[in-house]
PDB file of N, CA and C in Angstrom:
ATOM      1  N   MET A   1     -33.803  83.632 -41.682  1.00  0.00           N
ATOM      2  CA  MET A   1     -32.410  83.436 -41.339  1.00  0.00           C
ATOM      3  C   MET A   1     -31.710  82.483 -42.323  1.00  0.00           C
ATOM      4  N   GLU A   2     -32.455  81.469 -42.764  1.00  0.00           N
ATOM      5  CA  GLU A   2     -31.855  80.514 -43.703  1.00  0.00           C
ATOM      6  C   GLU A   2     -31.500  81.189 -45.024  1.00  0.00           C
ATOM      7  N   GLU A   3     -32.308  82.153 -45.440  1.00  0.00           N
ATOM      8  CA  GLU A   3     -32.063  82.838 -46.705  1.00  0.00           C
ATOM      9  C   GLU A   3     -30.746  83.609 -46.680  1.00  0.00           C
ATOM     10  N   LEU A   4     -30.361  84.131 -45.534  1.00  0.00           N
ATOM     11  CA  LEU A   4     -29.094  84.845 -45.433  1.00  0.00           C
ATOM     12  C   LEU A   4     -27.912  83.909 -45.592  1.00  0.00           C
ATOM     13  N   VAL A   5     -28.081  82.673 -45.130  1.00  0.00           N
ATOM     14  CA  VAL A   5     -27.001  81.693 -45.240  1.00  0.00           C
ATOM     15  C   VAL A   5     -26.967  81.089 -46.642  1.00  0.00           C
ATOM     16  N   GLU A   6     -28.150  80.817 -47.208  1.00  0.00           N
ATOM     17  CA  GLU A   6     -28.199  80.182 -48.522  1.00  0.00           C
ATOM     18  C   GLU A   6     -27.791  81.121 -49.655  1.00  0.00           C
ATOM     19  N   GLY A   7     -28.031  82.385 -49.520  1.00  0.00           N
ATOM     20  CA  GLY A   7     -27.757  83.358 -50.579  1.00  0.00           C
ATOM     21  C   GLY A   7     -26.347  83.310 -51.131  1.00  0.00           C
ATOM     22  N   PRO A   8     -25.316  83.449 -50.287  1.00  0.00           N
ATOM     23  CA  PRO A   8     -23.941  83.410 -50.820  1.00  0.00           C
ATOM     24  C   PRO A   8     -23.567  82.060 -51.426  1.00  0.00           C
ATOM     25  N   PHE A   9     -24.085  80.967 -50.868  1.00  0.00           N
ATOM     26  CA  PHE A   9     -23.761  79.646 -51.410  1.00  0.00           C
ATOM     27  C   PHE A   9     -24.393  79.446 -52.785  1.00  0.00           C
ATOM     28  N   LYS A  10     -25.614  79.943 -52.953  1.00  0.00           N
ATOM     29  CA  LYS A  10     -26.252  79.843 -54.269  1.00  0.00           C
ATOM     30  C   LYS A  10     -25.499  80.670 -55.299  1.00  0.00           C
ATOM     31  N   LEU A  11     -25.049  81.836 -54.896  1.00  0.00           N
ATOM     32  CA  LEU A  11     -24.286  82.683 -55.809  1.00  0.00           C
ATOM     33  C   LEU A  11     -22.979  82.018 -56.218  1.00  0.00           C
ATOM     34  N   ILE A  12     -22.272  81.449 -55.263  1.00  0.00           N
ATOM     35  CA  ILE A  12     -21.017  80.750 -55.564  1.00  0.00           C
ATOM     36  C   ILE A  12     -21.271  79.547 -56.457  1.00  0.00           C
ATOM     37  N   ALA A  13     -22.343  78.805 -56.175  1.00  0.00           N
ATOM     38  CA  ALA A  13     -22.673  77.631 -56.990  1.00  0.00           C
ATOM     39  C   ALA A  13     -23.019  78.042 -58.421  1.00  0.00           C
ATOM     40  N   ARG A  14     -23.744  79.143 -58.586  1.00  0.00           N
ATOM     41  CA  ARG A  14     -24.088  79.603 -59.932  1.00  0.00           C
ATOM     42  C   ARG A  14     -22.850  80.060 -60.703  1.00  0.00           C
ATOM     43  N   VAL A  15     -21.929  80.712 -60.031  1.00  0.00           N
ATOM     44  CA  VAL A  15     -20.697  81.152 -60.689  1.00  0.00           C
ATOM     45  C   VAL A  15     -19.874  79.947 -61.129  1.00  0.00           C
ATOM     46  N   ILE A  16     -19.736  78.963 -60.240  1.00  0.00           N
ATOM     47  CA  ILE A  16     -18.976  77.750 -60.579  1.00  0.00           C
ATOM     48  C   ILE A  16     -19.654  77.008 -61.731  1.00  0.00           C
ATOM     49  N   LEU A  17     -20.980  76.898 -61.693  1.00  0.00           N
ATOM     50  CA  LEU A  17     -21.711  76.239 -62.771  1.00  0.00           C
ATOM     51  C   LEU A  17     -21.529  76.983 -64.095  1.00  0.00           C
ATOM     52  N   GLY A  18     -21.531  78.294 -64.051  1.00  0.00           N
ATOM     53  CA  GLY A  18     -21.306  79.083 -65.262  1.00  0.00           C
ATOM     54  C   GLY A  18     -19.923  78.867 -65.834  1.00  0.00           C
ATOM     55  N   ILE A  19     -18.926  78.780 -64.977  1.00  0.00           N
ATOM     56  CA  ILE A  19     -17.547  78.530 -65.437  1.00  0.00           C
ATOM     57  C   ILE A  19     -17.434  77.145 -66.066  1.00  0.00           C
ATOM     58  N   VAL A  20     -18.046  76.148 -65.428  1.00  0.00           N
ATOM     59  CA  VAL A  20     -18.007  74.786 -65.966  1.00  0.00           C
ATOM     60  C   VAL A  20     -18.714  74.725 -67.316  1.00  0.00           C
ATOM     61  N   ARG A  21     -19.868  75.384 -67.434  1.00  0.00           N
ATOM     62  CA  ARG A  21     -20.574  75.408 -68.713  1.00  0.00           C
ATOM     63  C   ARG A  21     -19.744  76.081 -69.796  1.00  0.00           C
ATOM     64  N   ALA A  22     -19.058  77.154 -69.464  1.00  0.00           N
ATOM     65  CA  ALA A  22     -18.211  77.848 -70.436  1.00  0.00           C
ATOM     66  C   ALA A  22     -17.067  76.954 -70.893  1.00  0.00           C
ATOM     67  N   ILE A  23     -16.476  76.207 -69.987  1.00  0.00           N
ATOM     68  CA  ILE A  23     -15.380  75.300 -70.341  1.00  0.00           C
ATOM     69  C   ILE A  23     -15.886  74.181 -71.250  1.00  0.00           C
ATOM     70  N   ILE A  24     -17.047  73.632 -70.928  1.00  0.00           N
ATOM     71  CA  ILE A  24     -17.625  72.570 -71.760  1.00  0.00           C
ATOM     72  C   ILE A  24     -17.939  73.103 -73.152  1.00  0.00           C
ATOM     73  N   TRP A  25     -18.535  74.292 -73.224  1.00  0.00           N
ATOM     74  CA  TRP A  25     -18.867  74.878 -74.519  1.00  0.00           C
ATOM     75  C   TRP A  25     -17.614  75.147 -75.338  1.00  0.00           C
ATOM     76  N   LEU A  26     -16.582  75.675 -74.706  1.00  0.00           N
ATOM     77  CA  LEU A  26     -15.346  75.983 -75.405  1.00  0.00           C
ATOM     78  C   LEU A  26     -14.680  74.713 -75.912  1.00  0.00           C
ATOM     79  N   THR A  27     -14.692  73.677 -75.105  1.00  0.00           N
ATOM     80  CA  THR A  27     -14.126  72.398 -75.524  1.00  0.00           C
ATOM     81  C   THR A  27     -14.890  71.853 -76.723  1.00  0.00           C
ATOM     82  N   TRP A  28     -16.201  71.905 -76.684  1.00  0.00           N
ATOM     83  CA  TRP A  28     -17.012  71.434 -77.805  1.00  0.00           C
ATOM     84  C   TRP A  28     -16.730  72.259 -79.054  1.00  0.00           C
ATOM     85  N   GLU A  29     -16.663  73.565 -78.888  1.00  0.00           N
ATOM     86  CA  GLU A  29     -16.428  74.459 -80.022  1.00  0.00           C
ATOM     87  C   GLU A  29     -15.072  74.169 -80.666  1.00  0.00           C
ATOM     88  N   LEU A  30     -14.053  74.014 -79.850  1.00  0.00           N
ATOM     89  CA  LEU A  30     -12.720  73.790 -80.401  1.00  0.00           C
ATOM     90  C   LEU A  30     -12.565  72.399 -80.987  1.00  0.00           C
ATOM     91  N   MET A  31     -13.061  71.391 -80.282  1.00  0.00           N
ATOM     92  CA  MET A  31     -12.839  70.022 -80.738  1.00  0.00           C
ATOM     93  C   MET A  31     -13.738  69.640 -81.911  1.00  0.00           C
ATOM     94  N   CYS A  32     -15.021  69.770 -81.728  1.00  0.00           N
ATOM     95  CA  CYS A  32     -15.945  69.245 -82.733  1.00  0.00           C
ATOM     96  C   CYS A  32     -16.161  70.186 -83.897  1.00  0.00           C
ATOM     97  N   GLU A  33     -16.165  71.460 -83.637  1.00  0.00           N
ATOM     98  CA  GLU A  33     -16.489  72.372 -84.712  1.00  0.00           C
ATOM     99  C   GLU A  33     -15.264  72.819 -85.489  1.00  0.00           C
ATOM    100  N   ARG A  34     -14.157  72.901 -84.869  1.00  0.00           N
ATOM    101  CA  ARG A  34     -12.962  73.417 -85.560  1.00  0.00           C
ATOM    102  C   ARG A  34     -11.959  72.320 -85.894  1.00  0.00           C
ATOM    103  N   LEU A  35     -11.477  71.640 -84.877  1.00  0.00           N
ATOM    104  CA  LEU A  35     -10.412  70.665 -85.082  1.00  0.00           C
ATOM    105  C   LEU A  35     -10.836  69.548 -86.024  1.00  0.00           C
ATOM    106  N   LEU A  36     -12.037  69.013 -85.830  1.00  0.00           N
ATOM    107  CA  LEU A  36     -12.479  67.923 -86.696  1.00  0.00           C
ATOM    108  C   LEU A  36     -12.738  68.404 -88.120  1.00  0.00           C
ATOM    109  N   TRP A  37     -13.176  69.654 -88.280  1.00  0.00           N
ATOM    110  CA  TRP A  37     -13.321  70.211 -89.627  1.00  0.00           C
ATOM    111  C   TRP A  37     -11.967  70.316 -90.304  1.00  0.00           C
ATOM    112  N   TYR A  38     -10.982  70.817 -89.552  1.00  0.00           N
ATOM    113  CA  TYR A  38      -9.653  71.009 -90.132  1.00  0.00           C
ATOM    114  C   TYR A  38      -8.939  69.688 -90.408  1.00  0.00           C
ATOM    115  N   LEU A  39      -9.340  68.623 -89.748  1.00  0.00           N
ATOM    116  CA  LEU A  39      -8.794  67.300 -90.057  1.00  0.00           C
ATOM    117  C   LEU A  39      -9.542  66.643 -91.212  1.00  0.00           C
ATOM    118  N   GLY A  40     -10.853  66.798 -91.242  1.00  0.00           N
ATOM    119  CA  GLY A  40     -11.665  66.112 -92.236  1.00  0.00           C
ATOM    120  C   GLY A  40     -11.674  66.758 -93.601  1.00  0.00           C
ATOM    121  N   TRP A  41     -11.560  68.068 -93.650  1.00  0.00           N
ATOM    122  CA  TRP A  41     -11.639  68.774 -94.933  1.00  0.00           C
ATOM    123  C   TRP A  41     -10.557  68.318 -95.915  1.00  0.00           C
ATOM    124  N   PRO A  42      -9.268  68.329 -95.516  1.00  0.00           N
ATOM    125  CA  PRO A  42      -8.257  67.883 -96.497  1.00  0.00           C
ATOM    126  C   PRO A  42      -8.384  66.405 -96.849  1.00  0.00           C
ATOM    127  N   ALA A  43      -8.819  65.601 -95.898  1.00  0.00           N
ATOM    128  CA  ALA A  43      -8.971  64.178 -96.183  1.00  0.00           C
ATOM    129  C   ALA A  43     -10.072  63.956 -97.215  1.00  0.00           C
ATOM    130  N   LEU A  44     -11.194  64.641 -97.069  1.00  0.00           N
ATOM    131  CA  LEU A  44     -12.271  64.502 -98.043  1.00  0.00           C
ATOM    132  C   LEU A  44     -11.886  65.066 -99.408  1.00  0.00           C
ATOM    133  N   LYS A  45     -11.184  66.181 -99.405  1.00  0.00           N
ATOM    134  CA  LYS A  45     -10.732  66.739-100.683  1.00  0.00           C
ATOM    135  C   LYS A  45      -9.821  65.751-101.407  1.00  0.00           C
ATOM    136  N   LEU A  46      -8.963  65.097-100.656  1.00  0.00           N
ATOM    137  CA  LEU A  46      -8.054  64.121-101.241  1.00  0.00           C
ATOM    138  C   LEU A  46      -8.803  62.889-101.731  1.00  0.00           C
ATOM    139  N   MET A  47      -9.745  62.396-100.925  1.00  0.00           N
ATOM    140  CA  MET A  47     -10.487  61.185-101.291  1.00  0.00           C
ATOM    141  C   MET A  47     -11.419  61.408-102.480  1.00  0.00           C
ATOM    142  N   THR A  48     -11.991  62.603-102.590  1.00  0.00           N
ATOM    143  CA  THR A  48     -12.936  62.872-103.681  1.00  0.00           C
ATOM    144  C   THR A  48     -12.301  63.648-104.824  1.00  0.00           C
ATOM    145  N   LEU A  49     -11.001  63.769-104.807  1.00  0.00           N
ATOM    146  CA  LEU A  49     -10.242  64.476-105.831  1.00  0.00           C
ATOM    147  C   LEU A  49     -10.710  65.922-106.006  1.00  0.00           C
ATOM    148  N   GLY A  50     -10.984  66.573-104.888  1.00  0.00           N
ATOM    149  CA  GLY A  50     -11.314  67.991-104.888  1.00  0.00           C
ATOM    150  C   GLY A  50     -12.770  68.341-105.110  1.00  0.00           C
ATOM    151  N   LYS A  51     -13.665  67.349-105.186  1.00  0.00           N
ATOM    152  CA  LYS A  51     -15.063  67.644-105.487  1.00  0.00           C
ATOM    153  C   LYS A  51     -15.903  67.921-104.244  1.00  0.00           C
ATOM    154  N   TYR A  52     -15.539  67.379-103.125  1.00  0.00           N
ATOM    155  CA  TYR A  52     -16.341  67.544-101.907  1.00  0.00           C
ATOM    156  C   TYR A  52     -15.425  67.862-100.750  1.00  0.00           C
ATOM    157  N   PRO A  53     -15.728  68.719 -99.871  1.00  0.00           N
ATOM    158  CA  PRO A  53     -16.841  69.661 -99.819  1.00  0.00           C
ATOM    159  C   PRO A  53     -16.580  70.861-100.719  1.00  0.00           C
ATOM    160  N   LYS A  54     -17.642  71.493-101.132  1.00  0.00           N
ATOM    161  CA  LYS A  54     -17.529  72.640-102.033  1.00  0.00           C
ATOM    162  C   LYS A  54     -17.024  73.890-101.311  1.00  0.00           C
ATOM    163  N   GLU A  55     -17.232  73.947-100.006  1.00  0.00           N
ATOM    164  CA  GLU A  55     -16.774  75.094 -99.218  1.00  0.00           C
ATOM    165  C   GLU A  55     -15.254  75.091 -99.126  1.00  0.00           C
ATOM    166  N   ARG A  56     -14.706  76.273 -98.985  1.00  0.00           N
ATOM    167  CA  ARG A  56     -13.258  76.381 -98.824  1.00  0.00           C
ATOM    168  C   ARG A  56     -12.862  75.999 -97.406  1.00  0.00           C
ATOM    169  N   PHE A  57     -11.570  75.838 -97.205  1.00  0.00           N
ATOM    170  CA  PHE A  57     -11.024  75.402 -95.918  1.00  0.00           C
ATOM    171  C   PHE A  57     -11.420  76.335 -94.781  1.00  0.00           C
ATOM    172  N   SER A  58     -11.435  77.624 -95.047  1.00  0.00           N
ATOM    173  CA  SER A  58     -11.718  78.600 -94.001  1.00  0.00           C
ATOM    174  C   SER A  58     -13.200  78.914 -93.843  1.00  0.00           C
ATOM    175  N   GLU A  59     -14.065  78.282 -94.601  1.00  0.00           N
ATOM    176  CA  GLU A  59     -15.492  78.567 -94.549  1.00  0.00           C
ATOM    177  C   GLU A  59     -16.240  77.645 -93.601  1.00  0.00           C
ATOM    178  N   VAL A  60     -15.663  77.349 -92.496  1.00  0.00           N
ATOM    179  CA  VAL A  60     -16.276  76.445 -91.534  1.00  0.00           C
ATOM    180  C   VAL A  60     -17.553  77.032 -90.945  1.00  0.00           C
ATOM    181  N   ASN A  61     -17.660  78.329 -90.868  1.00  0.00           N
ATOM    182  CA  ASN A  61     -18.819  78.965 -90.242  1.00  0.00           C
ATOM    183  C   ASN A  61     -20.036  79.056 -91.151  1.00  0.00           C
ATOM    184  N   ILE A  62     -19.870  78.888 -92.449  1.00  0.00           N
ATOM    185  CA  ILE A  62     -21.006  79.063 -93.352  1.00  0.00           C
ATOM    186  C   ILE A  62     -21.453  77.753 -94.001  1.00  0.00           C
ATOM    187  N   THR A  63     -21.062  76.640 -93.458  1.00  0.00           N
ATOM    188  CA  THR A  63     -21.480  75.353 -94.012  1.00  0.00           C
ATOM    189  C   THR A  63     -22.838  74.959 -93.442  1.00  0.00           C
ATOM    190  N   THR A  64     -23.501  74.057 -94.140  1.00  0.00           N
ATOM    191  CA  THR A  64     -24.740  73.505 -93.604  1.00  0.00           C
ATOM    192  C   THR A  64     -24.396  72.490 -92.528  1.00  0.00           C
ATOM    193  N   THR A  65     -25.381  72.165 -91.737  1.00  0.00           N
ATOM    194  CA  THR A  65     -25.154  71.238 -90.627  1.00  0.00           C
ATOM    195  C   THR A  65     -24.767  69.852 -91.124  1.00  0.00           C
ATOM    196  N   SER A  66     -25.398  69.394 -92.177  1.00  0.00           N
ATOM    197  CA  SER A  66     -25.096  68.046 -92.670  1.00  0.00           C
ATOM    198  C   SER A  66     -23.684  67.961 -93.244  1.00  0.00           C
ATOM    199  N   VAL A  67     -23.272  68.973 -93.986  1.00  0.00           N
ATOM    200  CA  VAL A  67     -21.907  68.982 -94.531  1.00  0.00           C
ATOM    201  C   VAL A  67     -20.898  69.051 -93.400  1.00  0.00           C
ATOM    202  N   HIS A  68     -21.165  69.932 -92.449  1.00  0.00           N
ATOM    203  CA  HIS A  68     -20.239  70.080 -91.324  1.00  0.00           C
ATOM    204  C   HIS A  68     -20.135  68.782 -90.528  1.00  0.00           C
ATOM    205  N   PHE A  69     -21.265  68.121 -90.306  1.00  0.00           N
ATOM    206  CA  PHE A  69     -21.256  66.859 -89.570  1.00  0.00           C
ATOM    207  C   PHE A  69     -20.461  65.801 -90.315  1.00  0.00           C
ATOM    208  N   PHE A  70     -20.675  65.683 -91.615  1.00  0.00           N
ATOM    209  CA  PHE A  70     -19.980  64.664 -92.388  1.00  0.00           C
ATOM    210  C   PHE A  70     -18.475  64.903 -92.420  1.00  0.00           C
ATOM    211  N   VAL A  71     -18.078  66.141 -92.622  1.00  0.00           N
ATOM    212  CA  VAL A  71     -16.650  66.472 -92.640  1.00  0.00           C
ATOM    213  C   VAL A  71     -16.036  66.216 -91.269  1.00  0.00           C
ATOM    214  N   ALA A  72     -16.735  66.583 -90.208  1.00  0.00           N
ATOM    215  CA  ALA A  72     -16.230  66.344 -88.853  1.00  0.00           C
ATOM    216  C   ALA A  72     -16.170  64.852 -88.548  1.00  0.00           C
ATOM    217  N   LEU A  73     -17.132  64.098 -89.054  1.00  0.00           N
ATOM    218  CA  LEU A  73     -17.113  62.646 -88.852  1.00  0.00           C
ATOM    219  C   LEU A  73     -15.895  62.020 -89.525  1.00  0.00           C
ATOM    220  N   VAL A  74     -15.611  62.446 -90.732  1.00  0.00           N
ATOM    221  CA  VAL A  74     -14.405  61.961 -91.424  1.00  0.00           C
ATOM    222  C   VAL A  74     -13.163  62.406 -90.658  1.00  0.00           C
ATOM    223  N   GLY A  75     -13.182  63.634 -90.154  1.00  0.00           N
ATOM    224  CA  GLY A  75     -12.055  64.134 -89.372  1.00  0.00           C
ATOM    225  C   GLY A  75     -11.864  63.388 -88.075  1.00  0.00           C
ATOM    226  N   PHE A  76     -12.902  62.743 -87.592  1.00  0.00           N
ATOM    227  CA  PHE A  76     -12.795  61.930 -86.383  1.00  0.00           C
ATOM    228  C   PHE A  76     -12.352  60.507 -86.693  1.00  0.00           C
ATOM    229  N   ILE A  77     -12.868  59.952 -87.779  1.00  0.00           N
ATOM    230  CA  ILE A  77     -12.637  58.531 -88.079  1.00  0.00           C
ATOM    231  C   ILE A  77     -11.275  58.266 -88.699  1.00  0.00           C
ATOM    232  N   TYR A  78     -10.856  59.094 -89.649  1.00  0.00           N
ATOM    233  CA  TYR A  78      -9.624  58.733 -90.362  1.00  0.00           C
ATOM    234  C   TYR A  78      -8.373  58.769 -89.484  1.00  0.00           C
ATOM    235  N   PRO A  79      -8.231  59.659 -88.491  1.00  0.00           N
ATOM    236  CA  PRO A  79      -7.053  59.523 -87.620  1.00  0.00           C
ATOM    237  C   PRO A  79      -7.075  58.233 -86.796  1.00  0.00           C
ATOM    238  N   LEU A  80      -8.280  57.767 -86.446  1.00  0.00           N
ATOM    239  CA  LEU A  80      -8.372  56.494 -85.724  1.00  0.00           C
ATOM    240  C   LEU A  80      -7.936  55.327 -86.605  1.00  0.00           C
ATOM    241  N   ILE A  81      -8.373  55.337 -87.845  1.00  0.00           N
ATOM    242  CA  ILE A  81      -7.971  54.279 -88.776  1.00  0.00           C
ATOM    243  C   ILE A  81      -6.471  54.340 -89.034  1.00  0.00           C
ATOM    244  N   LEU A  82      -5.959  55.536 -89.215  1.00  0.00           N
ATOM    245  CA  LEU A  82      -4.517  55.711 -89.421  1.00  0.00           C
ATOM    246  C   LEU A  82      -3.721  55.205 -88.218  1.00  0.00           C
ATOM    247  N   ALA A  83      -4.167  55.520 -87.028  1.00  0.00           N
ATOM    248  CA  ALA A  83      -3.485  55.056 -85.817  1.00  0.00           C
ATOM    249  C   ALA A  83      -3.550  53.540 -85.696  1.00  0.00           C
ATOM    250  N   TYR A  84      -4.683  52.955 -86.069  1.00  0.00           N
ATOM    251  CA  TYR A  84      -4.819  51.503 -86.020  1.00  0.00           C
ATOM    252  C   TYR A  84      -3.830  50.827 -86.960  1.00  0.00           C
ATOM    253  N   TYR A  85      -3.764  51.306 -88.192  1.00  0.00           N
ATOM    254  CA  TYR A  85      -2.854  50.699 -89.154  1.00  0.00           C
ATOM    255  C   TYR A  85      -1.386  50.935 -88.797  1.00  0.00           C
ATOM    256  N   LEU A  86      -1.072  52.096 -88.284  1.00  0.00           N
ATOM    257  CA  LEU A  86       0.304  52.339 -87.863  1.00  0.00           C
ATOM    258  C   LEU A  86       0.698  51.473 -86.685  1.00  0.00           C
ATOM    259  N   SER A  87      -0.228  51.290 -85.732  1.00  0.00           N
ATOM    260  CA  SER A  87       0.105  50.447 -84.582  1.00  0.00           C
ATOM    261  C   SER A  87       0.228  48.977 -84.970  1.00  0.00           C
ATOM    262  N   SER A  88      -0.598  48.522 -85.912  1.00  0.00           N
ATOM    263  CA  SER A  88      -0.477  47.129 -86.349  1.00  0.00           C
ATOM    264  C   SER A  88       0.791  46.940 -87.185  1.00  0.00           C
ATOM    265  N   TYR A  89       1.173  47.959 -87.942  1.00  0.00           N
ATOM    266  CA  TYR A  89       2.390  47.880 -88.735  1.00  0.00           C
ATOM    267  C   TYR A  89       3.630  47.873 -87.849  1.00  0.00           C
ATOM    268  N   LEU A  90       3.607  48.666 -86.799  1.00  0.00           N
ATOM    269  CA  LEU A  90       4.750  48.751 -85.896  1.00  0.00           C
ATOM    270  C   LEU A  90       4.763  47.636 -84.861  1.00  0.00           C
ATOM    271  N   GLY A  91       3.685  46.850 -84.788  1.00  0.00           N
ATOM    272  CA  GLY A  91       3.630  45.731 -83.858  1.00  0.00           C
ATOM    273  C   GLY A  91       3.375  46.139 -82.431  1.00  0.00           C
ATOM    274  N   VAL A  92       2.715  47.247 -82.232  1.00  0.00           N
ATOM    275  CA  VAL A  92       2.430  47.724 -80.872  1.00  0.00           C
ATOM    276  C   VAL A  92       1.166  47.099 -80.377  1.00  0.00           C
TER     277      VAL A  92
END
């Protein structure tokens, strides 16, 4: 008798868990893999005078993990530094 009651609840819980996992994955994909690449790539090109990274702007899918991580790290850090300096300049 318990199995008849637990069955629908387990199904609902699995569906909700699947939706939450999909949202988390999509957020990670958009934020860390795309947005940070698109922020870090031009900054690195500017800082290294066009020498790094060797991949083109649209080649985010074919980069190595280390290059992608470094570009994303720069894409994460430089907006924070920019915001810090702008806020200190504006006196906020």
